[in-house]
N, C-alpha and C. Protein backbone atom coordinates (compact mmCIF):
# COMPACT_ATOMS: atom_id res chain seq x y z
N MET A 1 12.72 -96.79 4.47
CA MET A 1 11.42 -97.09 5.04
C MET A 1 11.45 -98.50 5.61
N SER A 2 11.12 -98.65 6.87
CA SER A 2 11.18 -99.95 7.51
C SER A 2 9.91 -100.75 7.26
N GLY A 3 9.99 -102.07 7.48
CA GLY A 3 8.84 -102.91 7.23
C GLY A 3 8.91 -104.20 8.01
N LEU A 4 7.76 -104.85 8.14
CA LEU A 4 7.63 -106.16 8.75
C LEU A 4 7.40 -107.16 7.62
N ILE A 5 8.35 -108.06 7.42
CA ILE A 5 8.31 -108.99 6.30
C ILE A 5 8.29 -110.41 6.84
N PHE A 6 7.33 -111.22 6.38
CA PHE A 6 7.17 -112.60 6.84
C PHE A 6 7.45 -113.56 5.69
N TYR A 7 8.39 -114.47 5.91
CA TYR A 7 8.72 -115.54 4.97
C TYR A 7 8.27 -116.86 5.58
N TYR A 8 7.48 -117.63 4.81
CA TYR A 8 6.99 -118.90 5.34
C TYR A 8 7.17 -120.01 4.31
N GLY A 9 7.12 -121.24 4.79
CA GLY A 9 7.22 -122.40 3.93
C GLY A 9 7.15 -123.66 4.77
N PRO A 10 7.04 -124.83 4.12
CA PRO A 10 6.99 -126.08 4.86
C PRO A 10 8.35 -126.45 5.43
N MET A 11 8.39 -127.52 6.21
CA MET A 11 9.65 -128.03 6.72
C MET A 11 10.60 -128.26 5.54
N GLY A 12 11.84 -127.87 5.70
CA GLY A 12 12.84 -128.10 4.67
C GLY A 12 12.90 -127.04 3.59
N ALA A 13 12.13 -125.97 3.73
CA ALA A 13 12.12 -124.92 2.71
C ALA A 13 13.31 -123.98 2.81
N GLY A 14 14.09 -124.09 3.88
CA GLY A 14 15.27 -123.24 4.02
C GLY A 14 15.02 -121.95 4.78
N LYS A 15 14.02 -121.93 5.64
CA LYS A 15 13.68 -120.70 6.36
C LYS A 15 14.81 -120.25 7.29
N SER A 16 15.33 -121.17 8.10
CA SER A 16 16.41 -120.79 9.02
C SER A 16 17.68 -120.45 8.26
N THR A 17 17.94 -121.16 7.18
CA THR A 17 19.10 -120.86 6.34
C THR A 17 18.98 -119.45 5.77
N PHE A 18 17.79 -119.10 5.28
CA PHE A 18 17.56 -117.78 4.71
C PHE A 18 17.61 -116.70 5.79
N ALA A 19 17.15 -117.03 7.01
CA ALA A 19 17.25 -116.08 8.11
C ALA A 19 18.72 -115.75 8.39
N LEU A 20 19.55 -116.78 8.42
CA LEU A 20 20.98 -116.57 8.66
C LEU A 20 21.65 -115.83 7.50
N GLN A 21 21.23 -116.13 6.28
CA GLN A 21 21.75 -115.41 5.11
C GLN A 21 21.35 -113.95 5.16
N THR A 22 20.12 -113.69 5.58
CA THR A 22 19.64 -112.31 5.71
C THR A 22 20.46 -111.56 6.74
N GLN A 23 20.73 -112.20 7.87
CA GLN A 23 21.57 -111.58 8.90
C GLN A 23 22.95 -111.25 8.34
N PHE A 24 23.55 -112.19 7.63
CA PHE A 24 24.86 -111.97 7.03
C PHE A 24 24.83 -110.79 6.06
N ASN A 25 23.84 -110.77 5.17
CA ASN A 25 23.74 -109.70 4.18
C ASN A 25 23.54 -108.33 4.83
N GLN A 26 22.69 -108.27 5.85
CA GLN A 26 22.45 -107.00 6.54
C GLN A 26 23.74 -106.50 7.20
N ARG A 27 24.46 -107.40 7.84
CA ARG A 27 25.71 -107.01 8.50
C ARG A 27 26.78 -106.59 7.49
N GLN A 28 26.78 -107.24 6.32
CA GLN A 28 27.74 -106.87 5.27
C GLN A 28 27.54 -105.42 4.83
N GLN A 29 26.34 -104.92 4.99
CA GLN A 29 26.04 -103.54 4.62
C GLN A 29 26.25 -102.58 5.80
N GLY A 30 26.84 -103.08 6.87
CA GLY A 30 27.13 -102.23 8.03
C GLY A 30 25.94 -102.00 8.92
N ARG A 31 24.89 -102.78 8.77
CA ARG A 31 23.69 -102.61 9.59
C ARG A 31 23.79 -103.47 10.84
N ALA A 32 23.33 -102.93 11.97
CA ALA A 32 23.35 -103.62 13.25
C ALA A 32 21.99 -104.26 13.49
N GLY A 33 22.00 -105.48 14.03
CA GLY A 33 20.73 -106.14 14.25
C GLY A 33 20.75 -107.12 15.39
N LEU A 34 19.59 -107.70 15.62
CA LEU A 34 19.39 -108.68 16.67
C LEU A 34 18.70 -109.90 16.07
N LEU A 35 19.24 -111.08 16.37
CA LEU A 35 18.67 -112.35 15.92
C LEU A 35 17.98 -112.98 17.12
N VAL A 36 16.68 -113.29 16.98
CA VAL A 36 15.93 -113.91 18.07
C VAL A 36 15.27 -115.19 17.57
N THR A 37 15.04 -116.11 18.50
CA THR A 37 14.36 -117.35 18.15
C THR A 37 13.55 -117.84 19.34
N ASN A 38 12.54 -118.62 19.02
CA ASN A 38 11.68 -119.24 20.02
C ASN A 38 11.60 -120.72 19.67
N ARG A 39 12.16 -121.56 20.52
CA ARG A 39 12.12 -123.01 20.34
C ARG A 39 12.91 -123.50 19.13
N ASP A 40 14.14 -123.07 19.00
CA ASP A 40 15.00 -123.60 17.94
C ASP A 40 15.17 -125.10 18.14
N ARG A 41 15.34 -125.82 17.04
CA ARG A 41 15.48 -127.29 17.10
C ARG A 41 16.62 -127.74 17.99
N SER A 42 17.62 -126.89 18.20
CA SER A 42 18.77 -127.26 19.04
C SER A 42 18.44 -127.20 20.52
N GLY A 43 17.42 -126.43 20.88
CA GLY A 43 17.09 -126.21 22.29
C GLY A 43 17.99 -125.19 22.95
N ASN A 44 18.89 -124.57 22.18
CA ASN A 44 19.83 -123.60 22.71
C ASN A 44 19.51 -122.19 22.22
N ALA A 45 20.25 -121.22 22.73
CA ALA A 45 20.10 -119.82 22.32
C ALA A 45 20.84 -119.61 21.01
N GLN A 46 20.31 -120.20 19.96
CA GLN A 46 20.91 -120.06 18.64
C GLN A 46 19.88 -120.41 17.57
N VAL A 47 20.19 -119.98 16.35
CA VAL A 47 19.41 -120.38 15.18
C VAL A 47 20.26 -121.40 14.44
N THR A 48 19.68 -122.56 14.19
CA THR A 48 20.39 -123.61 13.47
C THR A 48 19.61 -124.00 12.23
N SER A 49 20.33 -124.36 11.20
CA SER A 49 19.68 -124.83 9.97
C SER A 49 20.06 -126.29 9.75
N ARG A 50 19.24 -126.98 9.00
CA ARG A 50 19.50 -128.40 8.73
C ARG A 50 20.76 -128.62 7.89
N ILE A 51 21.21 -127.58 7.18
CA ILE A 51 22.41 -127.75 6.36
C ILE A 51 23.69 -127.41 7.12
N GLY A 52 23.54 -127.11 8.42
CA GLY A 52 24.72 -126.93 9.25
C GLY A 52 25.08 -125.50 9.62
N LEU A 53 24.39 -124.51 9.09
CA LEU A 53 24.66 -123.13 9.48
C LEU A 53 24.04 -122.85 10.84
N GLU A 54 24.69 -122.01 11.61
CA GLU A 54 24.15 -121.65 12.93
C GLU A 54 24.72 -120.32 13.37
N SER A 55 24.00 -119.68 14.29
CA SER A 55 24.46 -118.41 14.84
C SER A 55 23.84 -118.24 16.23
N GLU A 56 24.59 -117.61 17.12
CA GLU A 56 24.03 -117.29 18.43
C GLU A 56 22.84 -116.37 18.26
N ALA A 57 21.86 -116.53 19.15
CA ALA A 57 20.64 -115.73 19.06
C ALA A 57 20.10 -115.46 20.46
N GLU A 58 19.26 -114.49 20.55
CA GLU A 58 18.54 -114.20 21.79
C GLU A 58 17.37 -115.17 21.86
N LEU A 59 17.31 -115.96 22.93
CA LEU A 59 16.24 -116.93 23.10
C LEU A 59 15.07 -116.25 23.80
N ILE A 60 13.91 -116.32 23.18
CA ILE A 60 12.71 -115.71 23.76
C ILE A 60 11.70 -116.81 24.07
N ASP A 61 10.69 -116.46 24.85
CA ASP A 61 9.60 -117.38 25.12
C ASP A 61 8.29 -116.63 25.00
N ASP A 62 7.19 -117.30 25.32
CA ASP A 62 5.87 -116.70 25.16
C ASP A 62 5.66 -115.45 26.01
N ASP A 63 6.42 -115.30 27.09
CA ASP A 63 6.26 -114.16 27.98
C ASP A 63 7.16 -112.98 27.64
N THR A 64 8.03 -113.13 26.66
CA THR A 64 8.95 -112.05 26.30
C THR A 64 8.20 -110.91 25.64
N ASP A 65 8.41 -109.70 26.16
CA ASP A 65 7.87 -108.50 25.54
C ASP A 65 8.91 -108.06 24.50
N LEU A 66 8.66 -108.40 23.26
CA LEU A 66 9.65 -108.11 22.21
C LEU A 66 9.86 -106.62 22.00
N TYR A 67 8.82 -105.84 22.15
CA TYR A 67 9.00 -104.41 21.98
C TYR A 67 9.97 -103.86 23.03
N THR A 68 9.76 -104.22 24.28
CA THR A 68 10.63 -103.74 25.36
C THR A 68 12.05 -104.27 25.19
N LEU A 69 12.19 -105.55 24.88
CA LEU A 69 13.52 -106.16 24.69
C LEU A 69 14.31 -105.40 23.62
N VAL A 70 13.71 -105.22 22.46
CA VAL A 70 14.42 -104.61 21.34
C VAL A 70 14.59 -103.11 21.52
N SER A 71 13.54 -102.42 21.94
CA SER A 71 13.65 -100.96 22.06
C SER A 71 14.64 -100.55 23.14
N SER A 72 14.77 -101.34 24.22
CA SER A 72 15.76 -101.01 25.25
C SER A 72 17.18 -101.21 24.70
N ARG A 73 17.39 -102.24 23.89
CA ARG A 73 18.71 -102.41 23.25
C ARG A 73 18.97 -101.30 22.24
N HIS A 74 17.90 -100.90 21.55
CA HIS A 74 18.00 -99.87 20.52
C HIS A 74 18.43 -98.53 21.13
N GLU A 75 18.04 -98.28 22.40
CA GLU A 75 18.42 -97.03 23.07
C GLU A 75 19.92 -96.94 23.28
N THR A 76 20.57 -98.08 23.58
CA THR A 76 22.01 -98.06 23.85
C THR A 76 22.85 -98.39 22.63
N ASP A 77 22.38 -99.31 21.81
CA ASP A 77 23.08 -99.70 20.58
C ASP A 77 22.07 -99.65 19.44
N ALA A 78 22.14 -98.62 18.64
CA ALA A 78 21.15 -98.43 17.57
C ALA A 78 21.04 -99.69 16.71
N LEU A 79 19.82 -100.18 16.56
CA LEU A 79 19.55 -101.37 15.75
C LEU A 79 18.86 -100.97 14.45
N ASP A 80 19.27 -101.60 13.38
CA ASP A 80 18.64 -101.37 12.08
C ASP A 80 17.64 -102.46 11.73
N PHE A 81 17.84 -103.67 12.29
CA PHE A 81 16.97 -104.78 11.92
C PHE A 81 16.85 -105.79 13.05
N VAL A 82 15.77 -106.55 13.00
CA VAL A 82 15.56 -107.71 13.87
C VAL A 82 15.19 -108.87 12.96
N ILE A 83 15.78 -110.03 13.22
CA ILE A 83 15.42 -111.25 12.50
C ILE A 83 14.86 -112.21 13.53
N CYS A 84 13.65 -112.71 13.25
CA CYS A 84 12.97 -113.62 14.16
C CYS A 84 12.76 -114.96 13.45
N ASP A 85 13.46 -116.00 13.93
CA ASP A 85 13.27 -117.34 13.38
C ASP A 85 12.25 -118.08 14.24
N GLU A 86 11.62 -119.10 13.67
CA GLU A 86 10.55 -119.86 14.33
C GLU A 86 9.40 -118.92 14.71
N ALA A 87 9.07 -118.00 13.81
CA ALA A 87 8.07 -116.97 14.08
C ALA A 87 6.67 -117.55 14.27
N GLN A 88 6.43 -118.77 13.82
CA GLN A 88 5.12 -119.38 14.03
C GLN A 88 4.80 -119.53 15.51
N PHE A 89 5.84 -119.60 16.36
CA PHE A 89 5.64 -119.79 17.79
C PHE A 89 5.40 -118.47 18.54
N LEU A 90 5.48 -117.33 17.85
CA LEU A 90 5.18 -116.06 18.49
C LEU A 90 3.71 -116.02 18.89
N THR A 91 3.42 -115.30 19.95
CA THR A 91 2.02 -115.05 20.28
C THR A 91 1.53 -113.92 19.38
N PRO A 92 0.22 -113.80 19.18
CA PRO A 92 -0.28 -112.65 18.42
C PRO A 92 0.19 -111.31 19.01
N ALA A 93 0.26 -111.23 20.35
CA ALA A 93 0.73 -109.99 20.98
C ALA A 93 2.18 -109.70 20.60
N GLN A 94 3.01 -110.74 20.53
CA GLN A 94 4.41 -110.53 20.13
C GLN A 94 4.53 -110.07 18.68
N VAL A 95 3.64 -110.53 17.83
CA VAL A 95 3.63 -110.03 16.45
C VAL A 95 3.28 -108.55 16.45
N GLU A 96 2.35 -108.15 17.31
CA GLU A 96 2.03 -106.72 17.45
C GLU A 96 3.26 -105.95 17.92
N HIS A 97 4.05 -106.55 18.81
CA HIS A 97 5.29 -105.90 19.26
C HIS A 97 6.23 -105.66 18.07
N LEU A 98 6.36 -106.66 17.20
CA LEU A 98 7.23 -106.51 16.02
C LEU A 98 6.73 -105.38 15.13
N ALA A 99 5.43 -105.31 14.92
CA ALA A 99 4.87 -104.24 14.09
C ALA A 99 5.14 -102.87 14.72
N ARG A 100 5.05 -102.81 16.03
CA ARG A 100 5.33 -101.54 16.73
C ARG A 100 6.79 -101.14 16.58
N LEU A 101 7.70 -102.12 16.59
CA LEU A 101 9.12 -101.81 16.37
C LEU A 101 9.33 -101.17 15.00
N VAL A 102 8.60 -101.64 14.01
CA VAL A 102 8.68 -101.06 12.68
C VAL A 102 8.11 -99.65 12.68
N ASP A 103 6.91 -99.50 13.22
CA ASP A 103 6.18 -98.23 13.13
C ASP A 103 6.72 -97.13 14.03
N VAL A 104 7.20 -97.50 15.22
CA VAL A 104 7.64 -96.50 16.20
C VAL A 104 9.16 -96.32 16.18
N GLU A 105 9.88 -97.45 16.14
CA GLU A 105 11.34 -97.39 16.23
C GLU A 105 12.02 -97.38 14.85
N HIS A 106 11.24 -97.63 13.80
CA HIS A 106 11.75 -97.65 12.42
C HIS A 106 12.86 -98.69 12.23
N ILE A 107 12.61 -99.88 12.79
CA ILE A 107 13.53 -101.01 12.68
C ILE A 107 12.92 -102.01 11.71
N ASP A 108 13.71 -102.49 10.74
CA ASP A 108 13.24 -103.55 9.84
C ASP A 108 13.11 -104.85 10.61
N VAL A 109 12.02 -105.58 10.38
CA VAL A 109 11.81 -106.87 11.02
C VAL A 109 11.57 -107.92 9.94
N PHE A 110 12.38 -108.98 10.01
CA PHE A 110 12.26 -110.12 9.10
C PHE A 110 11.86 -111.33 9.94
N ALA A 111 10.70 -111.90 9.67
CA ALA A 111 10.21 -113.06 10.42
C ALA A 111 10.18 -114.27 9.50
N PHE A 112 10.61 -115.42 10.03
CA PHE A 112 10.68 -116.66 9.25
C PHE A 112 10.00 -117.77 10.04
N GLY A 113 9.10 -118.52 9.38
CA GLY A 113 8.45 -119.60 10.10
C GLY A 113 7.50 -120.42 9.26
N LEU A 114 6.94 -121.41 9.90
CA LEU A 114 5.90 -122.24 9.29
C LEU A 114 4.60 -121.45 9.25
N LEU A 115 3.75 -121.79 8.32
CA LEU A 115 2.42 -121.18 8.26
C LEU A 115 1.42 -122.02 9.04
N THR A 116 1.46 -123.35 8.83
CA THR A 116 0.48 -124.23 9.45
C THR A 116 1.16 -125.30 10.31
N ASP A 117 0.41 -125.80 11.27
CA ASP A 117 0.90 -126.85 12.15
C ASP A 117 0.64 -128.23 11.54
N PHE A 118 0.89 -129.29 12.30
CA PHE A 118 0.75 -130.65 11.77
C PHE A 118 -0.70 -131.03 11.49
N ARG A 119 -1.65 -130.20 11.97
CA ARG A 119 -3.07 -130.44 11.70
C ARG A 119 -3.54 -129.67 10.47
N SER A 120 -2.62 -128.99 9.82
CA SER A 120 -2.86 -128.09 8.67
C SER A 120 -3.68 -126.87 9.06
N ARG A 121 -3.51 -126.40 10.30
CA ARG A 121 -4.18 -125.20 10.79
C ARG A 121 -3.14 -124.11 11.02
N LEU A 122 -3.54 -122.88 10.77
CA LEU A 122 -2.62 -121.77 10.96
C LEU A 122 -2.14 -121.67 12.40
N PHE A 123 -0.83 -121.48 12.58
CA PHE A 123 -0.32 -121.12 13.89
C PHE A 123 -0.84 -119.72 14.22
N PRO A 124 -1.21 -119.43 15.46
CA PRO A 124 -1.70 -118.08 15.78
C PRO A 124 -0.71 -116.97 15.43
N GLY A 125 0.58 -117.19 15.69
CA GLY A 125 1.58 -116.17 15.35
C GLY A 125 1.68 -115.96 13.85
N ALA A 126 1.67 -117.05 13.09
CA ALA A 126 1.74 -116.95 11.63
C ALA A 126 0.49 -116.27 11.08
N ALA A 127 -0.66 -116.60 11.65
CA ALA A 127 -1.91 -115.97 11.19
C ALA A 127 -1.85 -114.46 11.38
N ARG A 128 -1.37 -114.03 12.55
CA ARG A 128 -1.29 -112.58 12.80
C ARG A 128 -0.26 -111.92 11.88
N LEU A 129 0.82 -112.61 11.59
CA LEU A 129 1.80 -112.07 10.64
C LEU A 129 1.18 -111.88 9.26
N VAL A 130 0.42 -112.86 8.81
CA VAL A 130 -0.25 -112.74 7.50
C VAL A 130 -1.21 -111.55 7.51
N GLU A 131 -1.87 -111.34 8.64
CA GLU A 131 -2.85 -110.25 8.73
C GLU A 131 -2.22 -108.87 8.72
N ILE A 132 -1.04 -108.69 9.35
CA ILE A 132 -0.54 -107.32 9.52
C ILE A 132 0.84 -107.05 8.92
N ALA A 133 1.51 -108.06 8.38
CA ALA A 133 2.85 -107.81 7.82
C ALA A 133 2.75 -106.92 6.58
N ASP A 134 3.80 -106.14 6.36
CA ASP A 134 3.87 -105.31 5.16
C ASP A 134 4.04 -106.16 3.92
N GLU A 135 4.77 -107.28 4.06
CA GLU A 135 4.98 -108.21 2.95
C GLU A 135 4.93 -109.64 3.49
N VAL A 136 4.35 -110.53 2.71
CA VAL A 136 4.30 -111.96 3.04
C VAL A 136 4.80 -112.71 1.82
N HIS A 137 5.81 -113.59 2.03
CA HIS A 137 6.42 -114.32 0.92
C HIS A 137 6.47 -115.81 1.22
N ARG A 138 6.00 -116.60 0.27
CA ARG A 138 6.18 -118.05 0.38
C ARG A 138 7.58 -118.38 -0.11
N MET A 139 8.30 -119.19 0.66
CA MET A 139 9.65 -119.58 0.29
C MET A 139 9.60 -120.35 -1.03
N GLN A 140 10.55 -120.08 -1.90
CA GLN A 140 10.55 -120.67 -3.23
C GLN A 140 11.42 -121.91 -3.35
N ALA A 141 12.04 -122.34 -2.24
CA ALA A 141 12.84 -123.56 -2.29
C ALA A 141 11.94 -124.73 -2.66
N ILE A 142 12.45 -125.65 -3.42
CA ILE A 142 11.66 -126.80 -3.86
C ILE A 142 11.70 -127.87 -2.78
N VAL A 143 10.55 -128.12 -2.18
CA VAL A 143 10.41 -129.17 -1.18
C VAL A 143 9.46 -130.20 -1.77
N LEU A 144 9.91 -131.44 -1.80
CA LEU A 144 9.12 -132.48 -2.44
C LEU A 144 8.58 -133.49 -1.43
N CYS A 145 7.38 -133.95 -1.71
CA CYS A 145 6.80 -135.08 -1.00
C CYS A 145 7.54 -136.34 -1.46
N TRP A 146 7.38 -137.43 -0.75
CA TRP A 146 8.02 -138.68 -1.13
C TRP A 146 7.59 -139.13 -2.52
N CYS A 147 6.43 -138.67 -3.00
CA CYS A 147 5.94 -139.07 -4.32
C CYS A 147 6.52 -138.21 -5.44
N GLY A 148 7.20 -137.12 -5.09
CA GLY A 148 7.78 -136.23 -6.08
C GLY A 148 6.97 -134.97 -6.33
N ALA A 149 5.75 -134.90 -5.80
CA ALA A 149 4.92 -133.70 -5.94
C ALA A 149 5.40 -132.63 -4.95
N PRO A 150 5.08 -131.35 -5.21
CA PRO A 150 5.47 -130.30 -4.25
C PRO A 150 4.85 -130.57 -2.88
N ALA A 151 5.66 -130.47 -1.85
CA ALA A 151 5.19 -130.66 -0.47
C ALA A 151 4.77 -129.30 0.08
N ILE A 152 3.59 -129.26 0.65
CA ILE A 152 3.08 -127.98 1.19
C ILE A 152 2.61 -128.08 2.63
N LEU A 153 2.46 -129.31 3.16
CA LEU A 153 1.95 -129.50 4.52
C LEU A 153 2.94 -130.31 5.35
N ASN A 154 2.91 -130.11 6.66
CA ASN A 154 3.84 -130.75 7.58
C ASN A 154 3.14 -131.83 8.37
N ALA A 155 3.57 -133.07 8.23
CA ALA A 155 3.00 -134.18 8.97
C ALA A 155 3.86 -134.47 10.19
N ARG A 156 3.20 -134.73 11.33
CA ARG A 156 3.91 -135.15 12.52
C ARG A 156 3.96 -136.67 12.53
N ILE A 157 5.15 -137.22 12.76
CA ILE A 157 5.35 -138.66 12.74
C ILE A 157 5.76 -139.12 14.15
N VAL A 158 5.03 -140.09 14.68
CA VAL A 158 5.35 -140.71 15.96
C VAL A 158 5.29 -142.21 15.74
N ASP A 159 6.35 -142.91 16.09
CA ASP A 159 6.42 -144.37 15.90
C ASP A 159 6.10 -144.76 14.45
N ASP A 160 6.69 -144.04 13.52
CA ASP A 160 6.54 -144.31 12.09
C ASP A 160 5.10 -144.19 11.59
N ARG A 161 4.26 -143.45 12.31
CA ARG A 161 2.87 -143.23 11.87
C ARG A 161 2.56 -141.74 11.96
N MET A 162 1.77 -141.27 11.01
CA MET A 162 1.32 -139.89 11.03
C MET A 162 0.24 -139.73 12.10
N VAL A 163 0.39 -138.70 12.94
CA VAL A 163 -0.61 -138.43 13.97
C VAL A 163 -1.28 -137.09 13.67
N ARG A 164 -2.54 -136.98 14.07
CA ARG A 164 -3.31 -135.76 13.79
C ARG A 164 -3.84 -135.11 15.06
N SER A 165 -3.41 -135.61 16.21
CA SER A 165 -3.84 -135.00 17.46
C SER A 165 -2.65 -134.94 18.41
N GLY A 166 -2.81 -134.17 19.46
CA GLY A 166 -1.74 -133.99 20.44
C GLY A 166 -1.47 -132.52 20.64
N GLU A 167 -0.51 -132.24 21.49
CA GLU A 167 -0.12 -130.85 21.74
C GLU A 167 0.30 -130.20 20.43
N VAL A 168 -0.10 -128.96 20.23
CA VAL A 168 0.23 -128.27 18.98
C VAL A 168 1.73 -128.10 18.85
N ILE A 169 2.39 -127.78 19.95
CA ILE A 169 3.84 -127.55 19.90
C ILE A 169 4.57 -128.75 20.47
N ALA A 170 5.32 -129.42 19.61
CA ALA A 170 6.22 -130.50 19.99
C ALA A 170 7.42 -130.35 19.08
N VAL A 171 8.45 -129.70 19.57
CA VAL A 171 9.61 -129.40 18.73
C VAL A 171 10.31 -130.69 18.37
N GLY A 172 10.54 -130.87 17.11
CA GLY A 172 11.24 -132.05 16.61
C GLY A 172 11.99 -131.68 15.36
N ASP A 173 12.44 -132.68 14.67
CA ASP A 173 13.20 -132.44 13.46
C ASP A 173 12.87 -133.54 12.47
N THR A 174 13.42 -133.45 11.29
CA THR A 174 13.17 -134.48 10.30
C THR A 174 14.06 -135.69 10.51
N ALA A 175 14.97 -135.62 11.48
CA ALA A 175 15.83 -136.76 11.79
C ALA A 175 15.08 -137.72 12.70
N SER A 176 15.72 -138.83 13.03
CA SER A 176 15.07 -139.80 13.91
C SER A 176 14.90 -139.21 15.30
N GLY A 177 13.88 -139.65 15.99
CA GLY A 177 13.59 -139.16 17.32
C GLY A 177 12.17 -139.54 17.69
N PRO A 178 11.75 -139.23 18.91
CA PRO A 178 10.39 -139.60 19.30
C PRO A 178 9.34 -138.87 18.47
N VAL A 179 9.65 -137.65 18.09
CA VAL A 179 8.75 -136.87 17.23
C VAL A 179 9.56 -136.38 16.05
N SER A 180 9.07 -136.62 14.86
CA SER A 180 9.71 -136.07 13.68
C SER A 180 8.62 -135.52 12.77
N TYR A 181 9.03 -134.80 11.77
CA TYR A 181 8.09 -134.19 10.84
C TYR A 181 8.52 -134.50 9.42
N ARG A 182 7.55 -134.56 8.54
CA ARG A 182 7.83 -134.82 7.14
C ARG A 182 6.91 -133.93 6.31
N ALA A 183 7.48 -133.25 5.33
CA ALA A 183 6.68 -132.42 4.42
C ALA A 183 6.03 -133.33 3.39
N LEU A 184 4.72 -133.15 3.20
CA LEU A 184 3.96 -133.97 2.27
C LEU A 184 3.14 -133.11 1.31
N CYS A 185 2.80 -133.68 0.18
CA CYS A 185 1.84 -133.03 -0.71
C CYS A 185 0.46 -133.13 -0.05
N ARG A 186 -0.49 -132.34 -0.51
CA ARG A 186 -1.83 -132.34 0.09
C ARG A 186 -2.48 -133.72 0.03
N LYS A 187 -2.36 -134.41 -1.12
CA LYS A 187 -3.00 -135.72 -1.30
C LYS A 187 -2.51 -136.71 -0.25
N HIS A 188 -1.20 -136.82 -0.09
CA HIS A 188 -0.67 -137.80 0.86
C HIS A 188 -0.83 -137.35 2.31
N TYR A 189 -0.91 -136.05 2.53
CA TYR A 189 -1.23 -135.56 3.87
C TYR A 189 -2.65 -136.00 4.23
N VAL A 190 -3.59 -135.76 3.33
CA VAL A 190 -4.99 -136.14 3.57
C VAL A 190 -5.12 -137.65 3.74
N ASP A 191 -4.42 -138.41 2.89
CA ASP A 191 -4.47 -139.88 2.95
C ASP A 191 -3.71 -140.44 4.15
N GLY A 192 -2.81 -139.65 4.73
CA GLY A 192 -2.01 -140.11 5.87
C GLY A 192 -0.89 -141.04 5.45
N ARG A 193 -0.47 -140.98 4.20
CA ARG A 193 0.61 -141.84 3.70
C ARG A 193 1.92 -141.08 3.78
N ILE A 194 2.85 -141.57 4.61
CA ILE A 194 4.10 -140.85 4.84
C ILE A 194 5.26 -141.39 4.03
N GLY A 195 5.04 -142.44 3.26
CA GLY A 195 6.08 -143.00 2.41
C GLY A 195 5.55 -144.17 1.63
N ARG A 196 6.36 -144.63 0.71
CA ARG A 196 5.92 -145.73 -0.18
C ARG A 196 5.56 -146.99 0.56
């Protein structure tokens, strides 16, 4: 029985790593699949993790009809699963496409992404996944705020200061750069304190 499964967590929870592990495990069982991503941190057609794992992937954008993309491949090369990394960037319509792949084509879909943006608001794609996924799982990796408390929210950092406004999508990483992100506990997110 196929299903749409959504795994979410804050920055550093291991979502991309788990997506790649899921792909490996599915292939080890002889299952054929497709790995897709939208706005990977590398900027390339691949899924990359902060711990150094990476794999080639189909790069999609907001205009990609995921149902057509996957079902047309499924006609020529039977697919058992689809793994979607950076699922928070999917449009609600694309999430509907994933659900249709499960219901019509009987393909397992595993989606991995953030739940909330830097303003602590649900991403539209993540919200739709929570609404219609067969299973929703919070990642269990331990992510800590600088104070040692569990980190649950993602702060956007620009010029060493937390910002609360701007374009919702600004792809960055936890490394140095013009835009970076840091996972914080709720208290320090609310206070705007990004470090000691």
